[in-house]
Amino acid sequence: MLPPTYVPGFHDEAAVKAMRYNDLGTTGLKVSHLALGGGALGLYGDYPEEDAIAAVREAIRQGINYIDTAPFYGLGRSEEVLGKALKGIPRQAYYIATKVGCYTMDPRTMFDFSAQKTRESVAKSLELLQLDYVDVIQVHDVEFALNLDIIIQETLPALQELVAKGKARFIGITGYPLEPLREIIEKSGSVKVDTVLSYTRDTLIDDTLQQHLPFFKEKGVGVICAAGTAMGLLSSAGPQPWHPASQELQDVCRAAADYCKERGVELARLAMHHALTREGQATHVVGINSTEILRSNLQILRDGLTSTEQEVLRDIRQKFFAKLPMHHWEGVELAKMREEWRKLGML
């Protein structure tokens, strides 16, 4: 069946029919299994803007109907580029989500979960996106709130007001540790949390998210996944220098990448295939800023892996990832940020 986002004359009908669509919790939205991540439009170096815009437009035409972005991604550049890319595309053809709460690289101003800043942020996002509303408005990286109470008492009620005014349709929360997401959902009171975005927690090296899926399903919360390559750990290129994973974990992933390279296989393809075949997620966000990256991910989704890639995937699971002593870096980034705050007298 064609999804509600299908627009005759705009979409590639055959591509849309080939796309898998899932229910996003109890929102009523039918989202494509592969989503377009706007982080690549702001966080990861320079890129030809024209190619990025062409990739966004082609992604939607090919049936990708969910887009995720945030003010933090390129300090607004991601939203600005998306605004240009979406101009002229039927609004019915896509769902778009942005975020509030995380804004700058300066520890003193990086996070602000106040109601006032929340309202200002949504107004700015809509201006950059050149839209009247977003489909999902999310609280970004909730674990960095000095206290979760501010999110429950200020951020979520402010978002609920904006939903009532037609500036957004649904409310979500995002974060790396999963327990704060559960706590907020439990304590959100009259504010319905419709979605959670979890990144790097259902990959070849870490499947912690699976333990929490029954809770999210029981609460009617749609699960959005991101970062199937564990922010570059599971790729031949490797992670950025700032990656918070331990050196031991990085070394294991590098050894797996080298093994893949010896076999003529790209580890990132295996990682994305694994991520896209996990159960329980409504959609998986992939950073896309070029038509080449778009085509590669659509090919993985539609055609799967070659027999050689399947063999190598079995090998690396057994040889490198089966007995990892530590498979995540939960608490590392938060500890560093809190130390910065202590030095600045903010704690």
C-alpha atoms as a PDB file:
ATOM      1  CA  MET A   1       0.000   0.000   0.000  1.00  0.00           C
ATOM      2  CA  LEU A   2       1.103   3.551  -0.671  1.00  0.00           C
ATOM      3  CA  PRO A   3       1.675   5.667   2.466  1.00  0.00           C
ATOM      4  CA  PRO A   4      -0.307   8.853   3.243  1.00  0.00           C
ATOM      5  CA  THR A   5       2.756  10.865   2.211  1.00  0.00           C
ATOM      6  CA  TYR A   6       2.574   9.619  -1.384  1.00  0.00           C
ATOM      7  CA  VAL A   7       1.979  12.411  -3.897  1.00  0.00           C
ATOM      8  CA  PRO A   8       1.108  11.343  -7.478  1.00  0.00           C
ATOM      9  CA  GLY A   9       3.251  13.083 -10.044  1.00  0.00           C
ATOM     10  CA  PHE A  10       6.001  13.854  -7.539  1.00  0.00           C
ATOM     11  CA  HIS A  11       7.108  10.490  -6.167  1.00  0.00           C
ATOM     12  CA  ASP A  12       8.752   7.595  -7.953  1.00  0.00           C
ATOM     13  CA  GLU A  13       5.797   5.255  -7.431  1.00  0.00           C
ATOM     14  CA  ALA A  14       7.813   2.056  -7.880  1.00  0.00           C
ATOM     15  CA  ALA A  15      10.393   3.231  -5.326  1.00  0.00           C
ATOM     16  CA  VAL A  16       7.681   4.144  -2.827  1.00  0.00           C
ATOM     17  CA  LYS A  17       6.056   0.742  -3.240  1.00  0.00           C
ATOM     18  CA  ALA A  18       9.448  -0.880  -2.601  1.00  0.00           C
ATOM     19  CA  MET A  19       9.985   1.111   0.603  1.00  0.00           C
ATOM     20  CA  ARG A  20       9.002  -0.343   3.975  1.00  0.00           C
ATOM     21  CA  TYR A  21       6.785   1.866   6.152  1.00  0.00           C
ATOM     22  CA  ASN A  22       6.151   1.445   9.882  1.00  0.00           C
ATOM     23  CA  ASP A  23       3.849   2.924  12.509  1.00  0.00           C
ATOM     24  CA  LEU A  24       5.576   5.595  14.601  1.00  0.00           C
ATOM     25  CA  GLY A  25       4.161   4.582  17.970  1.00  0.00           C
ATOM     26  CA  THR A  26       0.576   5.790  18.314  1.00  0.00           C
ATOM     27  CA  THR A  27       1.085   9.017  16.329  1.00  0.00           C
ATOM     28  CA  GLY A  28      -0.674   7.673  13.261  1.00  0.00           C
ATOM     29  CA  LEU A  29       2.365   8.541  11.144  1.00  0.00           C
ATOM     30  CA  LYS A  30       3.586   5.878   8.698  1.00  0.00           C
ATOM     31  CA  VAL A  31       7.328   6.482   8.465  1.00  0.00           C
ATOM     32  CA  SER A  32       9.855   5.062   6.020  1.00  0.00           C
ATOM     33  CA  HIS A  33      12.186   2.470   7.517  1.00  0.00           C
ATOM     34  CA  LEU A  34      15.120   4.608   6.372  1.00  0.00           C
ATOM     35  CA  ALA A  35      15.102   8.250   7.488  1.00  0.00           C
ATOM     36  CA  LEU A  36      17.205  11.205   6.399  1.00  0.00           C
ATOM     37  CA  GLY A  37      19.501  12.593   9.105  1.00  0.00           C
ATOM     38  CA  GLY A  38      20.244  16.300   9.009  1.00  0.00           C
ATOM     39  CA  GLY A  39      23.319  15.944  11.208  1.00  0.00           C
ATOM     40  CA  ALA A  40      25.359  15.366   8.061  1.00  0.00           C
ATOM     41  CA  LEU A  41      24.221  18.775   6.842  1.00  0.00           C
ATOM     42  CA  GLY A  42      25.869  20.518   9.764  1.00  0.00           C
ATOM     43  CA  LEU A  43      28.196  18.415  11.908  1.00  0.00           C
ATOM     44  CA  TYR A  44      30.602  16.624   9.630  1.00  0.00           C
ATOM     45  CA  GLY A  45      32.726  19.086   7.699  1.00  0.00           C
ATOM     46  CA  ASP A  46      32.047  20.795   4.420  1.00  0.00           C
ATOM     47  CA  TYR A  47      30.089  19.455   1.463  1.00  0.00           C
ATOM     48  CA  PRO A  48      28.720  20.769  -1.845  1.00  0.00           C
ATOM     49  CA  GLU A  49      25.413  22.339  -0.859  1.00  0.00           C
ATOM     50  CA  GLU A  50      23.909  21.755  -4.292  1.00  0.00           C
ATOM     51  CA  ASP A  51      24.533  18.004  -4.044  1.00  0.00           C
ATOM     52  CA  ALA A  52      23.112  17.909  -0.528  1.00  0.00           C
ATOM     53  CA  ILE A  53      19.952  19.695  -1.650  1.00  0.00           C
ATOM     54  CA  ALA A  54      19.623  17.326  -4.607  1.00  0.00           C
ATOM     55  CA  ALA A  55      20.059  14.345  -2.245  1.00  0.00           C
ATOM     56  CA  VAL A  56      17.286  15.562   0.077  1.00  0.00           C
ATOM     57  CA  ARG A  57      14.880  16.054  -2.810  1.00  0.00           C
ATOM     58  CA  GLU A  58      15.737  12.701  -4.372  1.00  0.00           C
ATOM     59  CA  ALA A  59      15.436  10.925  -1.015  1.00  0.00           C
ATOM     60  CA  ILE A  60      11.868  12.148  -0.629  1.00  0.00           C
ATOM     61  CA  ARG A  61      11.040  11.284  -4.242  1.00  0.00           C
ATOM     62  CA  GLN A  62      12.376   7.758  -3.577  1.00  0.00           C
ATOM     63  CA  GLY A  63      10.004   7.300  -0.633  1.00  0.00           C
ATOM     64  CA  ILE A  64      12.029   8.440   2.390  1.00  0.00           C
ATOM     65  CA  ASN A  65       9.450  10.472   4.262  1.00  0.00           C
ATOM     66  CA  TYR A  66      11.035  11.167   7.670  1.00  0.00           C
ATOM     67  CA  ILE A  67      13.673  13.865   8.188  1.00  0.00           C
ATOM     68  CA  ASP A  68      15.496  14.597  11.448  1.00  0.00           C
ATOM     69  CA  THR A  69      17.443  17.763  12.211  1.00  0.00           C
ATOM     70  CA  ALA A  70      18.326  20.108  15.086  1.00  0.00           C
ATOM     71  CA  PRO A  71      19.466  23.700  15.750  1.00  0.00           C
ATOM     72  CA  PHE A  72      22.786  22.312  17.035  1.00  0.00           C
ATOM     73  CA  TYR A  73      23.670  20.714  13.694  1.00  0.00           C
ATOM     74  CA  GLY A  74      25.980  23.293  12.192  1.00  0.00           C
ATOM     75  CA  LEU A  75      24.496  25.918  14.514  1.00  0.00           C
ATOM     76  CA  GLY A  76      21.487  26.245  12.247  1.00  0.00           C
ATOM     77  CA  ARG A  77      23.066  25.325   8.921  1.00  0.00           C
ATOM     78  CA  SER A  78      21.307  21.950   8.765  1.00  0.00           C
ATOM     79  CA  GLU A  79      17.887  23.562   9.171  1.00  0.00           C
ATOM     80  CA  GLU A  80      18.791  26.302   6.694  1.00  0.00           C
ATOM     81  CA  VAL A  81      19.908  23.835   3.996  1.00  0.00           C
ATOM     82  CA  LEU A  82      16.805  21.727   4.573  1.00  0.00           C
ATOM     83  CA  GLY A  83      14.678  24.845   4.200  1.00  0.00           C
ATOM     84  CA  LYS A  84      16.183  25.403   0.771  1.00  0.00           C
ATOM     85  CA  ALA A  85      15.862  21.733  -0.190  1.00  0.00           C
ATOM     86  CA  LEU A  86      12.223  21.437   0.865  1.00  0.00           C
ATOM     87  CA  LYS A  87      11.124  24.555  -0.986  1.00  0.00           C
ATOM     88  CA  GLY A  88       8.672  23.511  -3.683  1.00  0.00           C
ATOM     89  CA  ILE A  89       8.249  19.961  -2.385  1.00  0.00           C
ATOM     90  CA  PRO A  90       4.625  19.153  -1.436  1.00  0.00           C
ATOM     91  CA  ARG A  91       4.297  19.411   2.363  1.00  0.00           C
ATOM     92  CA  GLN A  92       2.271  16.210   2.353  1.00  0.00           C
ATOM     93  CA  ALA A  93       5.302  14.301   1.037  1.00  0.00           C
ATOM     94  CA  TYR A  94       7.371  14.275   4.225  1.00  0.00           C
ATOM     95  CA  TYR A  95       7.437  14.411   8.015  1.00  0.00           C
ATOM     96  CA  ILE A  96      10.121  16.505   9.646  1.00  0.00           C
ATOM     97  CA  ALA A  97      11.444  16.590  13.197  1.00  0.00           C
ATOM     98  CA  THR A  98      13.712  19.107  14.857  1.00  0.00           C
ATOM     99  CA  LYS A  99      14.840  19.645  18.434  1.00  0.00           C
ATOM    100  CA  VAL A 100      15.191  22.062  21.335  1.00  0.00           C
ATOM    101  CA  GLY A 101      17.649  22.210  24.224  1.00  0.00           C
ATOM    102  CA  CYS A 102      21.111  21.986  22.613  1.00  0.00           C
ATOM    103  CA  TYR A 103      22.521  24.998  20.799  1.00  0.00           C
ATOM    104  CA  THR A 104      26.234  25.905  20.931  1.00  0.00           C
ATOM    105  CA  MET A 105      29.705  24.416  21.455  1.00  0.00           C
ATOM    106  CA  ASP A 106      30.322  26.636  24.503  1.00  0.00           C
ATOM    107  CA  PRO A 107      29.699  24.671  27.749  1.00  0.00           C
ATOM    108  CA  ARG A 108      28.154  27.811  29.284  1.00  0.00           C
ATOM    109  CA  THR A 109      25.440  28.076  26.640  1.00  0.00           C
ATOM    110  CA  MET A 110      25.378  24.653  25.026  1.00  0.00           C
ATOM    111  CA  PHE A 111      22.220  23.505  26.818  1.00  0.00           C
ATOM    112  CA  ASP A 112      19.138  25.503  27.751  1.00  0.00           C
ATOM    113  CA  PHE A 113      15.930  23.647  28.556  1.00  0.00           C
ATOM    114  CA  SER A 114      13.974  26.667  29.828  1.00  0.00           C
ATOM    115  CA  ALA A 115      10.460  27.324  28.558  1.00  0.00           C
ATOM    116  CA  GLN A 116      11.438  30.713  27.137  1.00  0.00           C
ATOM    117  CA  LYS A 117      14.397  29.378  25.161  1.00  0.00           C
ATOM    118  CA  THR A 118      12.257  26.470  23.976  1.00  0.00           C
ATOM    119  CA  ARG A 119       9.674  28.829  22.466  1.00  0.00           C
ATOM    120  CA  GLU A 120      12.373  30.985  20.878  1.00  0.00           C
ATOM    121  CA  SER A 121      14.131  27.942  19.452  1.00  0.00           C
ATOM    122  CA  VAL A 122      11.042  26.549  17.749  1.00  0.00           C
ATOM    123  CA  ALA A 123      10.280  29.948  16.220  1.00  0.00           C
ATOM    124  CA  LYS A 124      13.827  30.151  14.843  1.00  0.00           C
ATOM    125  CA  SER A 125      13.720  26.591  13.517  1.00  0.00           C
ATOM    126  CA  LEU A 126      10.482  27.236  11.655  1.00  0.00           C
ATOM    127  CA  GLU A 127      12.004  30.370  10.155  1.00  0.00           C
ATOM    128  CA  LEU A 128      15.098  28.511   8.920  1.00  0.00           C
ATOM    129  CA  LEU A 129      13.082  25.548   7.649  1.00  0.00           C
ATOM    130  CA  GLN A 130      10.613  27.931   5.976  1.00  0.00           C
ATOM    131  CA  LEU A 131       7.733  25.926   7.432  1.00  0.00           C
ATOM    132  CA  ASP A 132       4.593  26.681   9.431  1.00  0.00           C
ATOM    133  CA  TYR A 133       4.978  23.570  11.596  1.00  0.00           C
ATOM    134  CA  VAL A 134       7.120  20.506  12.229  1.00  0.00           C
ATOM    135  CA  ASP A 135       5.699  17.045  12.722  1.00  0.00           C
ATOM    136  CA  VAL A 136       7.817  16.137  15.756  1.00  0.00           C
ATOM    137  CA  ILE A 137       9.563  18.488  18.184  1.00  0.00           C
ATOM    138  CA  GLN A 138      12.139  16.727  20.370  1.00  0.00           C
ATOM    139  CA  VAL A 139      14.078  17.583  23.527  1.00  0.00           C
ATOM    140  CA  HIS A 140      17.734  17.111  22.571  1.00  0.00           C
ATOM    141  CA  ASP A 141      20.061  14.994  24.760  1.00  0.00           C
ATOM    142  CA  VAL A 142      17.960  15.096  27.932  1.00  0.00           C
ATOM    143  CA  GLU A 143      20.749  13.637  30.098  1.00  0.00           C
ATOM    144  CA  PHE A 144      22.540  16.995  29.978  1.00  0.00           C
ATOM    145  CA  ALA A 145      19.808  18.803  31.888  1.00  0.00           C
ATOM    146  CA  LEU A 146      21.123  19.795  35.331  1.00  0.00           C
ATOM    147  CA  ASN A 147      17.995  18.087  36.634  1.00  0.00           C
ATOM    148  CA  LEU A 148      15.337  16.166  34.693  1.00  0.00           C
ATOM    149  CA  ASP A 149      12.716  18.182  36.588  1.00  0.00           C
ATOM    150  CA  ILE A 150      13.315  21.188  34.336  1.00  0.00           C
ATOM    151  CA  ILE A 151      12.426  19.087  31.300  1.00  0.00           C
ATOM    152  CA  ILE A 152       9.302  17.737  32.970  1.00  0.00           C
ATOM    153  CA  GLN A 153       8.191  21.062  34.449  1.00  0.00           C
ATOM    154  CA  GLU A 154       9.322  23.552  31.775  1.00  0.00           C
ATOM    155  CA  THR A 155      10.419  22.072  28.450  1.00  0.00           C
ATOM    156  CA  LEU A 156       7.604  19.581  27.901  1.00  0.00           C
ATOM    157  CA  PRO A 157       4.778  21.960  28.942  1.00  0.00           C
ATOM    158  CA  ALA A 158       6.237  24.623  26.596  1.00  0.00           C
ATOM    159  CA  LEU A 159       6.252  22.085  23.774  1.00  0.00           C
ATOM    160  CA  GLN A 160       2.682  21.111  24.596  1.00  0.00           C
ATOM    161  CA  GLU A 161       1.691  24.782  24.246  1.00  0.00           C
ATOM    162  CA  LEU A 162       3.355  24.896  20.840  1.00  0.00           C
ATOM    163  CA  VAL A 163       1.524  21.747  19.761  1.00  0.00           C
ATOM    164  CA  ALA A 164      -1.745  23.388  20.821  1.00  0.00           C
ATOM    165  CA  LYS A 165      -0.836  26.405  18.662  1.00  0.00           C
ATOM    166  CA  GLY A 166      -0.183  24.213  15.625  1.00  0.00           C
ATOM    167  CA  LYS A 167       3.591  24.757  15.539  1.00  0.00           C
ATOM    168  CA  ALA A 168       4.241  21.021  15.996  1.00  0.00           C
ATOM    169  CA  ARG A 169       2.173  17.840  15.967  1.00  0.00           C
ATOM    170  CA  PHE A 170       3.988  15.470  18.331  1.00  0.00           C
ATOM    171  CA  ILE A 171       6.561  15.586  21.130  1.00  0.00           C
ATOM    172  CA  GLY A 172       9.711  13.483  21.449  1.00  0.00           C
ATOM    173  CA  ILE A 173      12.843  13.153  23.562  1.00  0.00           C
ATOM    174  CA  THR A 174      16.360  12.062  22.645  1.00  0.00           C
ATOM    175  CA  GLY A 175      19.457  10.880  24.487  1.00  0.00           C
ATOM    176  CA  TYR A 176      22.308   8.394  24.702  1.00  0.00           C
ATOM    177  CA  PRO A 177      21.527   6.744  28.084  1.00  0.00           C
ATOM    178  CA  LEU A 178      18.147   5.048  28.016  1.00  0.00           C
ATOM    179  CA  GLU A 179      17.103   5.262  31.667  1.00  0.00           C
ATOM    180  CA  PRO A 180      16.529   9.069  31.596  1.00  0.00           C
ATOM    181  CA  LEU A 181      14.234   8.587  28.598  1.00  0.00           C
ATOM    182  CA  ARG A 182      12.172   6.091  30.579  1.00  0.00           C
ATOM    183  CA  GLU A 183      12.101   8.319  33.650  1.00  0.00           C
ATOM    184  CA  ILE A 184      10.809  11.310  31.699  1.00  0.00           C
ATOM    185  CA  ILE A 185       8.091   9.230  30.064  1.00  0.00           C
ATOM    186  CA  GLU A 186       7.025   7.908  33.470  1.00  0.00           C
ATOM    187  CA  LYS A 187       6.917  11.401  35.018  1.00  0.00           C
ATOM    188  CA  SER A 188       5.661  13.497  32.098  1.00  0.00           C
ATOM    189  CA  GLY A 189       2.154  13.681  33.545  1.00  0.00           C
ATOM    190  CA  SER A 190      -0.387  15.256  31.217  1.00  0.00           C
ATOM    191  CA  VAL A 191       2.208  15.742  28.470  1.00  0.00           C
ATOM    192  CA  LYS A 192       2.289  12.735  26.144  1.00  0.00           C
ATOM    193  CA  VAL A 193       5.771  11.818  24.973  1.00  0.00           C
ATOM    194  CA  ASP A 194       5.157  10.376  21.512  1.00  0.00           C
ATOM    195  CA  THR A 195       8.657   9.393  20.379  1.00  0.00           C
ATOM    196  CA  VAL A 196      12.163   8.605  21.577  1.00  0.00           C
ATOM    197  CA  LEU A 197      15.301   8.895  19.480  1.00  0.00           C
ATOM    198  CA  SER A 198      18.104   6.561  20.543  1.00  0.00           C
ATOM    199  CA  TYR A 199      21.487   6.570  18.856  1.00  0.00           C
ATOM    200  CA  THR A 200      24.246   3.914  18.692  1.00  0.00           C
ATOM    201  CA  ARG A 201      22.351   1.651  21.126  1.00  0.00           C
ATOM    202  CA  ASP A 202      21.251  -1.069  18.669  1.00  0.00           C
ATOM    203  CA  THR A 203      24.346  -1.817  16.623  1.00  0.00           C
ATOM    204  CA  LEU A 204      26.871  -4.580  16.014  1.00  0.00           C
ATOM    205  CA  ILE A 205      28.602  -3.633  19.278  1.00  0.00           C
ATOM    206  CA  ASP A 206      25.710  -2.557  21.524  1.00  0.00           C
ATOM    207  CA  ASP A 207      22.118  -3.843  21.586  1.00  0.00           C
ATOM    208  CA  THR A 208      21.089  -2.239  24.901  1.00  0.00           C
ATOM    209  CA  LEU A 209      18.041  -0.644  23.286  1.00  0.00           C
ATOM    210  CA  GLN A 210      16.428  -4.055  22.821  1.00  0.00           C
ATOM    211  CA  GLN A 211      15.999  -4.370  26.609  1.00  0.00           C
ATOM    212  CA  HIS A 212      13.880  -1.200  26.657  1.00  0.00           C
ATOM    213  CA  LEU A 213      11.671  -1.780  23.621  1.00  0.00           C
ATOM    214  CA  PRO A 214       8.856  -3.533  25.555  1.00  0.00           C
ATOM    215  CA  PHE A 215       8.559  -0.481  27.841  1.00  0.00           C
ATOM    216  CA  PHE A 216       8.371   1.961  24.918  1.00  0.00           C
ATOM    217  CA  LYS A 217       5.818  -0.224  23.137  1.00  0.00           C
ATOM    218  CA  GLU A 218       3.671  -0.479  26.268  1.00  0.00           C
ATOM    219  CA  LYS A 219       3.665   3.326  26.531  1.00  0.00           C
ATOM    220  CA  GLY A 220       2.767   3.770  22.865  1.00  0.00           C
ATOM    221  CA  VAL A 221       6.051   5.533  22.161  1.00  0.00           C
ATOM    222  CA  GLY A 222       7.542   5.350  18.676  1.00  0.00           C
ATOM    223  CA  VAL A 223      11.234   4.387  18.581  1.00  0.00           C
ATOM    224  CA  ILE A 224      13.589   6.189  16.222  1.00  0.00           C
ATOM    225  CA  CYS A 225      17.127   4.827  15.895  1.00  0.00           C
ATOM    226  CA  ALA A 226      20.223   6.580  14.621  1.00  0.00           C
ATOM    227  CA  ALA A 227      23.966   6.109  14.117  1.00  0.00           C
ATOM    228  CA  GLY A 228      24.068   2.497  12.979  1.00  0.00           C
ATOM    229  CA  THR A 229      27.817   2.825  12.449  1.00  0.00           C
ATOM    230  CA  ALA A 230      28.242   3.911  16.101  1.00  0.00           C
ATOM    231  CA  MET A 231      29.279   7.397  14.996  1.00  0.00           C
ATOM    232  CA  GLY A 232      31.961   6.075  12.678  1.00  0.00           C
ATOM    233  CA  LEU A 233      33.396   3.361  14.934  1.00  0.00           C
ATOM    234  CA  LEU A 234      32.003   0.725  12.598  1.00  0.00           C
ATOM    235  CA  SER A 235      33.546   2.020   9.379  1.00  0.00           C
ATOM    236  CA  SER A 236      36.809   1.795   7.488  1.00  0.00           C
ATOM    237  CA  ALA A 237      37.350   5.538   7.964  1.00  0.00           C
ATOM    238  CA  GLY A 238      37.032   5.193  11.730  1.00  0.00           C
ATOM    239  CA  PRO A 239      35.628   7.691  14.227  1.00  0.00           C
ATOM    240  CA  GLN A 240      36.386  11.370  14.641  1.00  0.00           C
ATOM    241  CA  PRO A 241      39.146  12.242  17.184  1.00  0.00           C
ATOM    242  CA  TRP A 242      36.503  13.383  19.671  1.00  0.00           C
ATOM    243  CA  HIS A 243      34.705  10.018  19.785  1.00  0.00           C
ATOM    244  CA  PRO A 244      34.035   9.134  23.456  1.00  0.00           C
ATOM    245  CA  ALA A 245      34.529   5.365  23.156  1.00  0.00           C
ATOM    246  CA  SER A 246      37.406   3.818  25.084  1.00  0.00           C
ATOM    247  CA  GLN A 247      40.664   3.124  23.267  1.00  0.00           C
ATOM    248  CA  GLU A 248      40.101  -0.603  23.789  1.00  0.00           C
ATOM    249  CA  LEU A 249      36.724  -0.469  22.031  1.00  0.00           C
ATOM    250  CA  GLN A 250      38.132   1.690  19.247  1.00  0.00           C
ATOM    251  CA  ASP A 251      40.990  -0.792  18.756  1.00  0.00           C
ATOM    252  CA  VAL A 252      38.575  -3.732  18.433  1.00  0.00           C
ATOM    253  CA  CYS A 253      36.487  -1.857  15.855  1.00  0.00           C
ATOM    254  CA  ARG A 254      39.629  -0.865  13.939  1.00  0.00           C
ATOM    255  CA  ALA A 255      40.735  -4.515  13.850  1.00  0.00           C
ATOM    256  CA  ALA A 256      37.298  -5.508  12.526  1.00  0.00           C
ATOM    257  CA  ALA A 257      37.492  -2.781   9.868  1.00  0.00           C
ATOM    258  CA  ASP A 258      40.938  -4.005   8.812  1.00  0.00           C
ATOM    259  CA  TYR A 259      39.649  -7.571   8.562  1.00  0.00           C
ATOM    260  CA  CYS A 260      36.773  -6.365   6.376  1.00  0.00           C
ATOM    261  CA  LYS A 261      39.180  -4.418   4.164  1.00  0.00           C
ATOM    262  CA  GLU A 262      41.325  -7.525   3.663  1.00  0.00           C
ATOM    263  CA  ARG A 263      38.201  -9.291   2.409  1.00  0.00           C
ATOM    264  CA  GLY A 264      37.260  -6.395   0.115  1.00  0.00           C
ATOM    265  CA  VAL A 265      34.283  -5.391   2.263  1.00  0.00           C
ATOM    266  CA  GLU A 266      33.311  -2.069   3.834  1.00  0.00           C
ATOM    267  CA  LEU A 267      32.460  -2.428   7.536  1.00  0.00           C
ATOM    268  CA  ALA A 268      30.009   0.477   7.412  1.00  0.00           C
ATOM    269  CA  ARG A 269      27.812  -1.428   4.937  1.00  0.00           C
ATOM    270  CA  LEU A 270      27.673  -4.415   7.291  1.00  0.00           C
ATOM    271  CA  ALA A 271      26.870  -2.149  10.227  1.00  0.00           C
ATOM    272  CA  MET A 272      24.065  -0.379   8.371  1.00  0.00           C
ATOM    273  CA  HIS A 273      22.582  -3.661   7.173  1.00  0.00           C
ATOM    274  CA  HIS A 274      22.571  -4.926  10.757  1.00  0.00           C
ATOM    275  CA  ALA A 275      20.972  -1.720  12.039  1.00  0.00           C
ATOM    276  CA  LEU A 276      18.276  -1.711   9.367  1.00  0.00           C
ATOM    277  CA  THR A 277      17.285  -5.305  10.075  1.00  0.00           C
ATOM    278  CA  ARG A 278      16.756  -4.892  13.815  1.00  0.00           C
ATOM    279  CA  GLU A 279      13.209  -5.295  15.136  1.00  0.00           C
ATOM    280  CA  GLY A 280      11.243  -2.756  17.154  1.00  0.00           C
ATOM    281  CA  GLN A 281      12.359   0.478  15.535  1.00  0.00           C
ATOM    282  CA  ALA A 282       9.995   2.558  13.437  1.00  0.00           C
ATOM    283  CA  THR A 283      12.743   4.204  11.430  1.00  0.00           C
ATOM    284  CA  HIS A 284      16.512   4.490  11.326  1.00  0.00           C
ATOM    285  CA  VAL A 285      18.117   7.893  10.782  1.00  0.00           C
ATOM    286  CA  VAL A 286      21.129   7.986   8.455  1.00  0.00           C
ATOM    287  CA  GLY A 287      23.175  11.111   7.825  1.00  0.00           C
ATOM    288  CA  ILE A 288      22.894  11.973   4.139  1.00  0.00           C
ATOM    289  CA  ASN A 289      24.508  14.952   2.426  1.00  0.00           C
ATOM    290  CA  SER A 290      25.162  13.589  -1.068  1.00  0.00           C
ATOM    291  CA  THR A 291      23.356  11.576  -3.706  1.00  0.00           C
ATOM    292  CA  GLU A 292      26.138   8.962  -3.517  1.00  0.00           C
ATOM    293  CA  ILE A 293      25.480   8.310   0.183  1.00  0.00           C
ATOM    294  CA  LEU A 294      21.751   8.236  -0.509  1.00  0.00           C
ATOM    295  CA  ARG A 295      22.103   5.621  -3.256  1.00  0.00           C
ATOM    296  CA  SER A 296      24.380   3.458  -1.118  1.00  0.00           C
ATOM    297  CA  ASN A 297      21.943   3.331   1.797  1.00  0.00           C
ATOM    298  CA  LEU A 298      18.915   2.730  -0.420  1.00  0.00           C
ATOM    299  CA  GLN A 299      20.803  -0.141  -2.051  1.00  0.00           C
ATOM    300  CA  ILE A 300      21.580  -1.730   1.328  1.00  0.00           C
ATOM    301  CA  LEU A 301      17.936  -1.403   2.368  1.00  0.00           C
ATOM    302  CA  ARG A 302      16.509  -2.804  -0.862  1.00  0.00           C
ATOM    303  CA  ASP A 303      19.048  -5.463  -1.852  1.00  0.00           C
ATOM    304  CA  GLY A 304      20.775  -6.464   1.374  1.00  0.00           C
ATOM    305  CA  LEU A 305      24.309  -7.894   1.395  1.00  0.00           C
ATOM    306  CA  THR A 306      26.220 -10.017  -1.060  1.00  0.00           C
ATOM    307  CA  SER A 307      27.128 -13.572  -0.067  1.00  0.00           C
ATOM    308  CA  THR A 308      30.694 -12.435   0.649  1.00  0.00           C
ATOM    309  CA  GLU A 309      29.470  -9.593   2.844  1.00  0.00           C
ATOM    310  CA  GLN A 310      27.178 -11.974   4.721  1.00  0.00           C
ATOM    311  CA  GLU A 311      30.115 -14.310   5.371  1.00  0.00           C
ATOM    312  CA  VAL A 312      32.333 -11.473   6.596  1.00  0.00           C
ATOM    313  CA  LEU A 313      29.534 -10.203   8.831  1.00  0.00           C
ATOM    314  CA  ARG A 314      29.309 -13.628  10.494  1.00  0.00           C
ATOM    315  CA  ASP A 315      33.080 -13.651  10.916  1.00  0.00           C
ATOM    316  CA  ILE A 316      33.417 -10.258  12.581  1.00  0.00           C
ATOM    317  CA  ARG A 317      30.540 -10.962  14.956  1.00  0.00           C
ATOM    318  CA  GLN A 318      32.343 -14.069  16.177  1.00  0.00           C
ATOM    319  CA  LYS A 319      35.958 -12.916  15.970  1.00  0.00           C
ATOM    320  CA  PHE A 320      35.670  -9.344  17.255  1.00  0.00           C
ATOM    321  CA  PHE A 321      32.329  -8.475  18.827  1.00  0.00           C
ATOM    322  CA  ALA A 322      31.079 -11.614  20.599  1.00  0.00           C
ATOM    323  CA  LYS A 323      33.006 -11.065  23.842  1.00  0.00           C
ATOM    324  CA  LEU A 324      33.499  -7.310  24.127  1.00  0.00           C
ATOM    325  CA  PRO A 325      34.206  -6.389  27.760  1.00  0.00           C
ATOM    326  CA  MET A 326      32.676  -2.915  27.270  1.00  0.00           C
ATOM    327  CA  HIS A 327      30.360  -2.075  24.398  1.00  0.00           C
ATOM    328  CA  HIS A 328      29.301   1.496  25.160  1.00  0.00           C
ATOM    329  CA  TRP A 329      30.570   4.781  26.600  1.00  0.00           C
ATOM    330  CA  GLU A 330      27.612   5.770  28.743  1.00  0.00           C
ATOM    331  CA  GLY A 331      28.482   8.485  31.254  1.00  0.00           C
ATOM    332  CA  VAL A 332      31.775   9.508  29.642  1.00  0.00           C
ATOM    333  CA  GLU A 333      30.519  12.636  27.867  1.00  0.00           C
ATOM    334  CA  LEU A 334      28.294  13.664  30.757  1.00  0.00           C
ATOM    335  CA  ALA A 335      31.185  13.373  33.224  1.00  0.00           C
ATOM    336  CA  LYS A 336      33.368  15.589  31.011  1.00  0.00           C
ATOM    337  CA  MET A 337      30.624  18.181  30.679  1.00  0.00           C
ATOM    338  CA  ARG A 338      29.952  18.258  34.405  1.00  0.00           C
ATOM    339  CA  GLU A 339      33.660  18.775  35.041  1.00  0.00           C
ATOM    340  CA  GLU A 340      33.570  21.744  32.654  1.00  0.00           C
ATOM    341  CA  TRP A 341      30.544  23.121  34.479  1.00  0.00           C
ATOM    342  CA  ARG A 342      32.304  22.747  37.838  1.00  0.00           C
ATOM    343  CA  LYS A 343      35.315  24.708  36.537  1.00  0.00           C
ATOM    344  CA  LEU A 344      32.933  27.440  35.330  1.00  0.00           C
ATOM    345  CA  GLY A 345      31.110  27.531  38.679  1.00  0.00           C
ATOM    346  CA  MET A 346      27.869  26.298  37.155  1.00  0.00           C
ATOM    347  CA  LEU A 347      27.540  23.378  39.590  1.00  0.00           C
END
